Amino acid sequence: MEQKFRKIKATNPTIKEKLFSLAGMGEFLQKLGFTHSVEGSDEFYVLDDSKLGILLPFIQHLRDRIALIEAKQDGPDEYQRVKNVIENQ
């Protein structure tokens, strides 16, 4: 949600290797609402406030999935507890 996390530096070596090694990632980010910009020799994808609201349900869904994966590692009781919490939100 913080502004600093809504700006992706595409020329960052780690980001380039892990994210932009996937074909079409720049186009995908733009379809999600990120805008592409170039500042000097750096390339960025930025998500502005007007687009953030659209993505919030998807962000929450990903957070829920991650919580379930982590809970599953802790055992079936924890998985069921987290699943119930998510279903009752």
PDB file of N, CA and C in Angstrom:
ATOM      1  N   MET A   1       0.811  -1.188   0.000  1.00  0.00           N
ATOM      2  CA  MET A   1       0.000   0.000   0.000  1.00  0.00           C
ATOM      3  C   MET A   1       0.866   1.270   0.000  1.00  0.00           C
ATOM      4  N   GLU A   2       2.085   1.155   0.512  1.00  0.00           N
ATOM      5  CA  GLU A   2       2.956   2.323   0.568  1.00  0.00           C
ATOM      6  C   GLU A   2       3.444   2.695  -0.825  1.00  0.00           C
ATOM      7  N   GLN A   3       3.597   3.978  -1.049  1.00  0.00           N
ATOM      8  CA  GLN A   3       4.008   4.487  -2.356  1.00  0.00           C
ATOM      9  C   GLN A   3       5.301   3.840  -2.836  1.00  0.00           C
ATOM     10  N   LYS A   4       6.260   3.641  -1.931  1.00  0.00           N
ATOM     11  CA  LYS A   4       7.546   3.094  -2.348  1.00  0.00           C
ATOM     12  C   LYS A   4       7.430   1.673  -2.898  1.00  0.00           C
ATOM     13  N   PHE A   5       6.365   0.970  -2.539  1.00  0.00           N
ATOM     14  CA  PHE A   5       6.181  -0.390  -3.046  1.00  0.00           C
ATOM     15  C   PHE A   5       5.339  -0.428  -4.312  1.00  0.00           C
ATOM     16  N   ARG A   6       4.924   0.739  -4.797  1.00  0.00           N
ATOM     17  CA  ARG A   6       4.134   0.781  -6.021  1.00  0.00           C
ATOM     18  C   ARG A   6       4.966   1.240  -7.203  1.00  0.00           C
ATOM     19  N   LYS A   7       6.259   1.284  -7.017  1.00  0.00           N
ATOM     20  CA  LYS A   7       7.167   1.686  -8.089  1.00  0.00           C
ATOM     21  C   LYS A   7       8.185   0.559  -8.285  1.00  0.00           C
ATOM     22  N   ILE A   8       8.162  -0.046  -9.456  1.00  0.00           N
ATOM     23  CA  ILE A   8       9.042  -1.159  -9.774  1.00  0.00           C
ATOM     24  C   ILE A   8      10.134  -0.660 -10.709  1.00  0.00           C
ATOM     25  N   LYS A   9      11.362  -0.814 -10.274  1.00  0.00           N
ATOM     26  CA  LYS A   9      12.495  -0.399 -11.105  1.00  0.00           C
ATOM     27  C   LYS A   9      12.894  -1.582 -11.986  1.00  0.00           C
ATOM     28  N   ALA A  10      12.482  -1.523 -13.235  1.00  0.00           N
ATOM     29  CA  ALA A  10      12.686  -2.632 -14.163  1.00  0.00           C
ATOM     30  C   ALA A  10      14.150  -2.857 -14.486  1.00  0.00           C
ATOM     31  N   THR A  11      14.994  -1.863 -14.279  1.00  0.00           N
ATOM     32  CA  THR A  11      16.417  -2.008 -14.576  1.00  0.00           C
ATOM     33  C   THR A  11      17.207  -2.533 -13.380  1.00  0.00           C
ATOM     34  N   ASN A  12      16.553  -2.756 -12.243  1.00  0.00           N
ATOM     35  CA  ASN A  12      17.197  -3.365 -11.084  1.00  0.00           C
ATOM     36  C   ASN A  12      17.563  -4.801 -11.469  1.00  0.00           C
ATOM     37  N   PRO A  13      18.819  -5.217 -11.283  1.00  0.00           N
ATOM     38  CA  PRO A  13      19.234  -6.551 -11.726  1.00  0.00           C
ATOM     39  C   PRO A  13      18.390  -7.695 -11.156  1.00  0.00           C
ATOM     40  N   THR A  14      18.029  -7.632  -9.883  1.00  0.00           N
ATOM     41  CA  THR A  14      17.232  -8.701  -9.281  1.00  0.00           C
ATOM     42  C   THR A  14      15.825  -8.725  -9.866  1.00  0.00           C
ATOM     43  N   ILE A  15      15.205  -7.559 -10.006  1.00  0.00           N
ATOM     44  CA  ILE A  15      13.859  -7.460 -10.592  1.00  0.00           C
ATOM     45  C   ILE A  15      13.893  -7.939 -12.037  1.00  0.00           C
ATOM     46  N   LYS A  16      14.925  -7.527 -12.735  1.00  0.00           N
ATOM     47  CA  LYS A  16      15.068  -7.927 -14.140  1.00  0.00           C
ATOM     48  C   LYS A  16      15.155  -9.452 -14.264  1.00  0.00           C
ATOM     49  N   GLU A  17      15.926 -10.074 -13.388  1.00  0.00           N
ATOM     50  CA  GLU A  17      16.119 -11.530 -13.442  1.00  0.00           C
ATOM     51  C   GLU A  17      14.869 -12.286 -13.012  1.00  0.00           C
ATOM     52  N   LYS A  18      14.238 -11.853 -11.927  1.00  0.00           N
ATOM     53  CA  LYS A  18      13.127 -12.623 -11.359  1.00  0.00           C
ATOM     54  C   LYS A  18      11.779 -12.290 -11.981  1.00  0.00           C
ATOM     55  N   LEU A  19      11.544 -11.041 -12.347  1.00  0.00           N
ATOM     56  CA  LEU A  19      10.228 -10.630 -12.829  1.00  0.00           C
ATOM     57  C   LEU A  19      10.206 -10.437 -14.338  1.00  0.00           C
ATOM     58  N   PHE A  20      11.148  -9.696 -14.844  1.00  0.00           N
ATOM     59  CA  PHE A  20      11.118  -9.356 -16.262  1.00  0.00           C
ATOM     60  C   PHE A  20      11.748 -10.416 -17.150  1.00  0.00           C
ATOM     61  N   SER A  21      12.182 -11.519 -16.555  1.00  0.00           N
ATOM     62  CA  SER A  21      12.627 -12.645 -17.381  1.00  0.00           C
ATOM     63  C   SER A  21      11.409 -13.374 -17.960  1.00  0.00           C
ATOM     64  N   LEU A  22      10.235 -13.084 -17.392  1.00  0.00           N
ATOM     65  CA  LEU A  22       8.987 -13.651 -17.909  1.00  0.00           C
ATOM     66  C   LEU A  22       8.519 -12.841 -19.114  1.00  0.00           C
ATOM     67  N   ALA A  23       8.246 -13.504 -20.191  1.00  0.00           N
ATOM     68  CA  ALA A  23       7.830 -12.828 -21.421  1.00  0.00           C
ATOM     69  C   ALA A  23       6.549 -12.030 -21.205  1.00  0.00           C
ATOM     70  N   GLY A  24       6.552 -10.795 -21.664  1.00  0.00           N
ATOM     71  CA  GLY A  24       5.352  -9.971 -21.610  1.00  0.00           C
ATOM     72  C   GLY A  24       5.076  -9.327 -20.267  1.00  0.00           C
ATOM     73  N   MET A  25       6.035  -9.340 -19.331  1.00  0.00           N
ATOM     74  CA  MET A  25       5.783  -8.794 -17.996  1.00  0.00           C
ATOM     75  C   MET A  25       5.464  -7.305 -18.035  1.00  0.00           C
ATOM     76  N   GLY A  26       6.161  -6.539 -18.844  1.00  0.00           N
ATOM     77  CA  GLY A  26       5.889  -5.108 -18.937  1.00  0.00           C
ATOM     78  C   GLY A  26       4.464  -4.834 -19.404  1.00  0.00           C
ATOM     79  N   GLU A  27       4.028  -5.560 -20.408  1.00  0.00           N
ATOM     80  CA  GLU A  27       2.661  -5.415 -20.920  1.00  0.00           C
ATOM     81  C   GLU A  27       1.641  -5.830 -19.858  1.00  0.00           C
ATOM     82  N   PHE A  28       1.943  -6.912 -19.137  1.00  0.00           N
ATOM     83  CA  PHE A  28       1.059  -7.383 -18.075  1.00  0.00           C
ATOM     84  C   PHE A  28       0.902  -6.316 -16.985  1.00  0.00           C
ATOM     85  N   LEU A  29       2.004  -5.725 -16.560  1.00  0.00           N
ATOM     86  CA  LEU A  29       1.930  -4.678 -15.529  1.00  0.00           C
ATOM     87  C   LEU A  29       1.107  -3.487 -16.013  1.00  0.00           C
ATOM     88  N   GLN A  30       1.249  -3.137 -17.268  1.00  0.00           N
ATOM     89  CA  GLN A  30       0.478  -2.024 -17.808  1.00  0.00           C
ATOM     90  C   GLN A  30      -1.011  -2.354 -17.841  1.00  0.00           C
ATOM     91  N   LYS A  31      -1.353  -3.588 -18.130  1.00  0.00           N
ATOM     92  CA  LYS A  31      -2.760  -3.991 -18.113  1.00  0.00           C
ATOM     93  C   LYS A  31      -3.329  -3.964 -16.694  1.00  0.00           C
ATOM     94  N   LEU A  32      -2.472  -4.181 -15.700  1.00  0.00           N
ATOM     95  CA  LEU A  32      -2.901  -4.100 -14.305  1.00  0.00           C
ATOM     96  C   LEU A  32      -3.094  -2.653 -13.842  1.00  0.00           C
ATOM     97  N   GLY A  33      -2.577  -1.701 -14.594  1.00  0.00           N
ATOM     98  CA  GLY A  33      -2.743  -0.305 -14.233  1.00  0.00           C
ATOM     99  C   GLY A  33      -1.452   0.440 -13.962  1.00  0.00           C
ATOM    100  N   PHE A  34      -0.323  -0.229 -14.109  1.00  0.00           N
ATOM    101  CA  PHE A  34       0.967   0.443 -13.938  1.00  0.00           C
ATOM    102  C   PHE A  34       1.251   1.291 -15.169  1.00  0.00           C
ATOM    103  N   THR A  35       1.913   2.411 -14.964  1.00  0.00           N
ATOM    104  CA  THR A  35       2.356   3.225 -16.092  1.00  0.00           C
ATOM    105  C   THR A  35       3.857   3.052 -16.242  1.00  0.00           C
ATOM    106  N   HIS A  36       4.309   3.083 -17.470  1.00  0.00           N
ATOM    107  CA  HIS A  36       5.720   2.884 -17.792  1.00  0.00           C
ATOM    108  C   HIS A  36       6.385   4.247 -17.922  1.00  0.00           C
ATOM    109  N   SER A  37       7.562   4.400 -17.323  1.00  0.00           N
ATOM    110  CA  SER A  37       8.302   5.648 -17.474  1.00  0.00           C
ATOM    111  C   SER A  37       9.800   5.362 -17.496  1.00  0.00           C
ATOM    112  N   VAL A  38      10.531   6.285 -18.096  1.00  0.00           N
ATOM    113  CA  VAL A  38      11.984   6.188 -18.162  1.00  0.00           C
ATOM    114  C   VAL A  38      12.541   7.464 -17.559  1.00  0.00           C
ATOM    115  N   GLU A  39      13.461   7.286 -16.610  1.00  0.00           N
ATOM    116  CA  GLU A  39      14.132   8.419 -15.968  1.00  0.00           C
ATOM    117  C   GLU A  39      15.629   8.208 -16.119  1.00  0.00           C
ATOM    118  N   GLY A  40      16.224   8.932 -17.048  1.00  0.00           N
ATOM    119  CA  GLY A  40      17.642   8.731 -17.331  1.00  0.00           C
ATOM    120  C   GLY A  40      17.839   7.355 -17.929  1.00  0.00           C
ATOM    121  N   SER A  41      18.675   6.546 -17.291  1.00  0.00           N
ATOM    122  CA  SER A  41      18.923   5.192 -17.792  1.00  0.00           C
ATOM    123  C   SER A  41      18.076   4.157 -17.056  1.00  0.00           C
ATOM    124  N   ASP A  42      17.195   4.617 -16.176  1.00  0.00           N
ATOM    125  CA  ASP A  42      16.354   3.701 -15.404  1.00  0.00           C
ATOM    126  C   ASP A  42      14.938   3.640 -15.974  1.00  0.00           C
ATOM    127  N   GLU A  43      14.377   2.451 -15.917  1.00  0.00           N
ATOM    128  CA  GLU A  43      13.026   2.195 -16.418  1.00  0.00           C
ATOM    129  C   GLU A  43      12.148   1.795 -15.233  1.00  0.00           C
ATOM    130  N   PHE A  44      10.960   2.398 -15.124  1.00  0.00           N
ATOM    131  CA  PHE A  44      10.074   2.150 -13.993  1.00  0.00           C
ATOM    132  C   PHE A  44       8.662   1.789 -14.453  1.00  0.00           C
ATOM    133  N   TYR A  45       7.966   1.052 -13.586  1.00  0.00           N
ATOM    134  CA  TYR A  45       6.533   0.817 -13.714  1.00  0.00           C
ATOM    135  C   TYR A  45       5.930   1.291 -12.402  1.00  0.00           C
ATOM    136  N   VAL A  46       4.985   2.225 -12.496  1.00  0.00           N
ATOM    137  CA  VAL A  46       4.434   2.874 -11.306  1.00  0.00           C
ATOM    138  C   VAL A  46       2.922   2.691 -11.268  1.00  0.00           C
ATOM    139  N   LEU A  47       2.419   2.328 -10.098  1.00  0.00           N
ATOM    140  CA  LEU A  47       0.975   2.185  -9.892  1.00  0.00           C
ATOM    141  C   LEU A  47       0.480   3.414  -9.145  1.00  0.00           C
ATOM    142  N   ASP A  48      -0.380   4.200  -9.799  1.00  0.00           N
ATOM    143  CA  ASP A  48      -0.866   5.409  -9.133  1.00  0.00           C
ATOM    144  C   ASP A  48      -2.093   5.111  -8.273  1.00  0.00           C
ATOM    145  N   ASP A  49      -2.460   6.076  -7.444  1.00  0.00           N
ATOM    146  CA  ASP A  49      -3.548   5.896  -6.477  1.00  0.00           C
ATOM    147  C   ASP A  49      -4.869   5.502  -7.134  1.00  0.00           C
ATOM    148  N   SER A  50      -5.160   6.046  -8.293  1.00  0.00           N
ATOM    149  CA  SER A  50      -6.449   5.774  -8.927  1.00  0.00           C
ATOM    150  C   SER A  50      -6.589   4.304  -9.338  1.00  0.00           C
ATOM    151  N   LYS A  51      -5.491   3.629  -9.555  1.00  0.00           N
ATOM    152  CA  LYS A  51      -5.520   2.220  -9.968  1.00  0.00           C
ATOM    153  C   LYS A  51      -5.437   1.262  -8.784  1.00  0.00           C
ATOM    154  N   LEU A  52      -4.966   1.745  -7.648  1.00  0.00           N
ATOM    155  CA  LEU A  52      -4.764   0.873  -6.494  1.00  0.00           C
ATOM    156  C   LEU A  52      -6.063   0.235  -6.024  1.00  0.00           C
ATOM    157  N   GLY A  53      -7.141   1.003  -5.989  1.00  0.00           N
ATOM    158  CA  GLY A  53      -8.427   0.482  -5.532  1.00  0.00           C
ATOM    159  C   GLY A  53      -8.914  -0.706  -6.339  1.00  0.00           C
ATOM    160  N   ILE A  54      -8.615  -0.705  -7.612  1.00  0.00           N
ATOM    161  CA  ILE A  54      -9.019  -1.805  -8.490  1.00  0.00           C
ATOM    162  C   ILE A  54      -8.290  -3.092  -8.109  1.00  0.00           C
ATOM    163  N   LEU A  55      -7.042  -2.966  -7.688  1.00  0.00           N
ATOM    164  CA  LEU A  55      -6.225  -4.138  -7.400  1.00  0.00           C
ATOM    165  C   LEU A  55      -6.373  -4.668  -5.974  1.00  0.00           C
ATOM    166  N   LEU A  56      -6.971  -3.897  -5.079  1.00  0.00           N
ATOM    167  CA  LEU A  56      -7.061  -4.313  -3.674  1.00  0.00           C
ATOM    168  C   LEU A  56      -7.670  -5.703  -3.476  1.00  0.00           C
ATOM    169  N   PRO A  57      -8.773  -6.057  -4.145  1.00  0.00           N
ATOM    170  CA  PRO A  57      -9.310  -7.411  -3.956  1.00  0.00           C
ATOM    171  C   PRO A  57      -8.337  -8.504  -4.385  1.00  0.00           C
ATOM    172  N   PHE A  58      -7.577  -8.253  -5.440  1.00  0.00           N
ATOM    173  CA  PHE A  58      -6.604  -9.235  -5.904  1.00  0.00           C
ATOM    174  C   PHE A  58      -5.440  -9.362  -4.923  1.00  0.00           C
ATOM    175  N   ILE A  59      -5.027  -8.217  -4.369  1.00  0.00           N
ATOM    176  CA  ILE A  59      -3.957  -8.226  -3.367  1.00  0.00           C
ATOM    177  C   ILE A  59      -4.398  -9.025  -2.148  1.00  0.00           C
ATOM    178  N   GLN A  60      -5.628  -8.824  -1.698  1.00  0.00           N
ATOM    179  CA  GLN A  60      -6.129  -9.555  -0.539  1.00  0.00           C
ATOM    180  C   GLN A  60      -6.214 -11.049  -0.836  1.00  0.00           C
ATOM    181  N   HIS A  61      -6.632 -11.387  -2.033  1.00  0.00           N
ATOM    182  CA  HIS A  61      -6.709 -12.798  -2.415  1.00  0.00           C
ATOM    183  C   HIS A  61      -5.318 -13.449  -2.338  1.00  0.00           C
ATOM    184  N   LEU A  62      -4.300 -12.756  -2.855  1.00  0.00           N
ATOM    185  CA  LEU A  62      -2.942 -13.290  -2.792  1.00  0.00           C
ATOM    186  C   LEU A  62      -2.459 -13.426  -1.353  1.00  0.00           C
ATOM    187  N   ARG A  63      -2.789 -12.445  -0.519  1.00  0.00           N
ATOM    188  CA  ARG A  63      -2.410 -12.531   0.900  1.00  0.00           C
ATOM    189  C   ARG A  63      -3.069 -13.734   1.563  1.00  0.00           C
ATOM    190  N   ASP A  64      -4.328 -13.967   1.248  1.00  0.00           N
ATOM    191  CA  ASP A  64      -5.045 -15.116   1.817  1.00  0.00           C
ATOM    192  C   ASP A  64      -4.404 -16.428   1.376  1.00  0.00           C
ATOM    193  N   ARG A  65      -4.056 -16.519   0.096  1.00  0.00           N
ATOM    194  CA  ARG A  65      -3.425 -17.744  -0.414  1.00  0.00           C
ATOM    195  C   ARG A  65      -2.090 -17.994   0.280  1.00  0.00           C
ATOM    196  N   ILE A  66      -1.308 -16.933   0.456  1.00  0.00           N
ATOM    197  CA  ILE A  66      -0.015 -17.064   1.133  1.00  0.00           C
ATOM    198  C   ILE A  66      -0.224 -17.516   2.575  1.00  0.00           C
ATOM    199  N   ALA A  67      -1.214 -16.941   3.254  1.00  0.00           N
ATOM    200  CA  ALA A  67      -1.505 -17.332   4.640  1.00  0.00           C
ATOM    201  C   ALA A  67      -1.888 -18.807   4.721  1.00  0.00           C
ATOM    202  N   LEU A  68      -2.662 -19.288   3.755  1.00  0.00           N
ATOM    203  CA  LEU A  68      -3.041 -20.702   3.747  1.00  0.00           C
ATOM    204  C   LEU A  68      -1.839 -21.618   3.511  1.00  0.00           C
ATOM    205  N   ILE A  69      -0.965 -21.219   2.617  1.00  0.00           N
ATOM    206  CA  ILE A  69       0.231 -22.021   2.347  1.00  0.00           C
ATOM    207  C   ILE A  69       1.099 -22.103   3.603  1.00  0.00           C
ATOM    208  N   GLU A  70       1.283 -20.966   4.265  1.00  0.00           N
ATOM    209  CA  GLU A  70       2.090 -20.952   5.490  1.00  0.00           C
ATOM    210  C   GLU A  70       1.425 -21.769   6.593  1.00  0.00           C
ATOM    211  N   ALA A  71       0.107 -21.653   6.719  1.00  0.00           N
ATOM    212  CA  ALA A  71      -0.620 -22.392   7.752  1.00  0.00           C
ATOM    213  C   ALA A  71      -0.549 -23.899   7.500  1.00  0.00           C
ATOM    214  N   LYS A  72      -0.585 -24.290   6.249  1.00  0.00           N
ATOM    215  CA  LYS A  72      -0.518 -25.709   5.901  1.00  0.00           C
ATOM    216  C   LYS A  72       0.801 -26.318   6.369  1.00  0.00           C
ATOM    217  N   GLN A  73       1.857 -25.522   6.333  1.00  0.00           N
ATOM    218  CA  GLN A  73       3.163 -25.989   6.795  1.00  0.00           C
ATOM    219  C   GLN A  73       3.177 -26.197   8.306  1.00  0.00           C
ATOM    220  N   ASP A  74       2.296 -25.495   9.017  1.00  0.00           N
ATOM    221  CA  ASP A  74       2.222 -25.619  10.478  1.00  0.00           C
ATOM    222  C   ASP A  74       1.317 -26.758  10.924  1.00  0.00           C
ATOM    223  N   GLY A  75       0.601 -27.361   9.998  1.00  0.00           N
ATOM    224  CA  GLY A  75      -0.230 -28.503  10.338  1.00  0.00           C
ATOM    225  C   GLY A  75      -1.683 -28.293   9.990  1.00  0.00           C
ATOM    226  N   PRO A  76      -2.462 -29.386  10.018  1.00  0.00           N
ATOM    227  CA  PRO A  76      -3.865 -29.323   9.595  1.00  0.00           C
ATOM    228  C   PRO A  76      -4.747 -28.457  10.492  1.00  0.00           C
ATOM    229  N   ASP A  77      -4.468 -28.413  11.783  1.00  0.00           N
ATOM    230  CA  ASP A  77      -5.289 -27.586  12.670  1.00  0.00           C
ATOM    231  C   ASP A  77      -5.114 -26.100  12.366  1.00  0.00           C
ATOM    232  N   GLU A  78      -3.875 -25.690  12.162  1.00  0.00           N
ATOM    233  CA  GLU A  78      -3.602 -24.288  11.845  1.00  0.00           C
ATOM    234  C   GLU A  78      -4.171 -23.928  10.481  1.00  0.00           C
ATOM    235  N   TYR A  79      -4.068 -24.838   9.529  1.00  0.00           N
ATOM    236  CA  TYR A  79      -4.632 -24.609   8.198  1.00  0.00           C
ATOM    237  C   TYR A  79      -6.136 -24.372   8.296  1.00  0.00           C
ATOM    238  N   GLN A  80      -6.818 -25.214   9.044  1.00  0.00           N
ATOM    239  CA  GLN A  80      -8.274 -25.089   9.188  1.00  0.00           C
ATOM    240  C   GLN A  80      -8.648 -23.788   9.892  1.00  0.00           C
ATOM    241  N   ARG A  81      -7.862 -23.410  10.909  1.00  0.00           N
ATOM    242  CA  ARG A  81      -8.122 -22.165  11.629  1.00  0.00           C
ATOM    243  C   ARG A  81      -8.010 -20.965  10.689  1.00  0.00           C
ATOM    244  N   VAL A  82      -6.927 -20.919   9.917  1.00  0.00           N
ATOM    245  CA  VAL A  82      -6.709 -19.801   8.986  1.00  0.00           C
ATOM    246  C   VAL A  82      -7.777 -19.800   7.903  1.00  0.00           C
ATOM    247  N   LYS A  83      -8.128 -20.975   7.412  1.00  0.00           N
ATOM    248  CA  LYS A  83      -9.171 -21.080   6.386  1.00  0.00           C
ATOM    249  C   LYS A  83     -10.496 -20.525   6.908  1.00  0.00           C
ATOM    250  N   ASN A  84     -10.843 -20.852   8.151  1.00  0.00           N
ATOM    251  CA  ASN A  84     -12.079 -20.320   8.758  1.00  0.00           C
ATOM    252  C   ASN A  84     -12.038 -18.812   8.899  1.00  0.00           C
ATOM    253  N   VAL A  85     -10.910 -18.283   9.300  1.00  0.00           N
ATOM    254  CA  VAL A  85     -10.758 -16.826   9.421  1.00  0.00           C
ATOM    255  C   VAL A  85     -10.983 -16.159   8.068  1.00  0.00           C
ATOM    256  N   ILE A  86     -10.361 -16.697   7.031  1.00  0.00           N
ATOM    257  CA  ILE A  86     -10.486 -16.128   5.682  1.00  0.00           C
ATOM    258  C   ILE A  86     -11.935 -16.199   5.199  1.00  0.00           C
ATOM    259  N   GLU A  87     -12.581 -17.312   5.424  1.00  0.00           N
ATOM    260  CA  GLU A  87     -13.969 -17.482   4.957  1.00  0.00           C
ATOM    261  C   GLU A  87     -14.938 -16.556   5.689  1.00  0.00           C
ATOM    262  N   ASN A  88     -14.600 -16.176   6.915  1.00  0.00           N
ATOM    263  CA  ASN A  88     -15.492 -15.331   7.711  1.00  0.00           C
ATOM    264  C   ASN A  88     -15.144 -13.845   7.660  1.00  0.00           C
ATOM    265  N   GLN A  89     -14.253 -13.469   6.783  1.00  0.00           N
ATOM    266  CA  GLN A  89     -13.869 -12.041   6.664  1.00  0.00           C
ATOM    267  C   GLN A  89     -15.005 -11.238   6.083  1.00  0.00           C
TER     268      GLN A  89
END
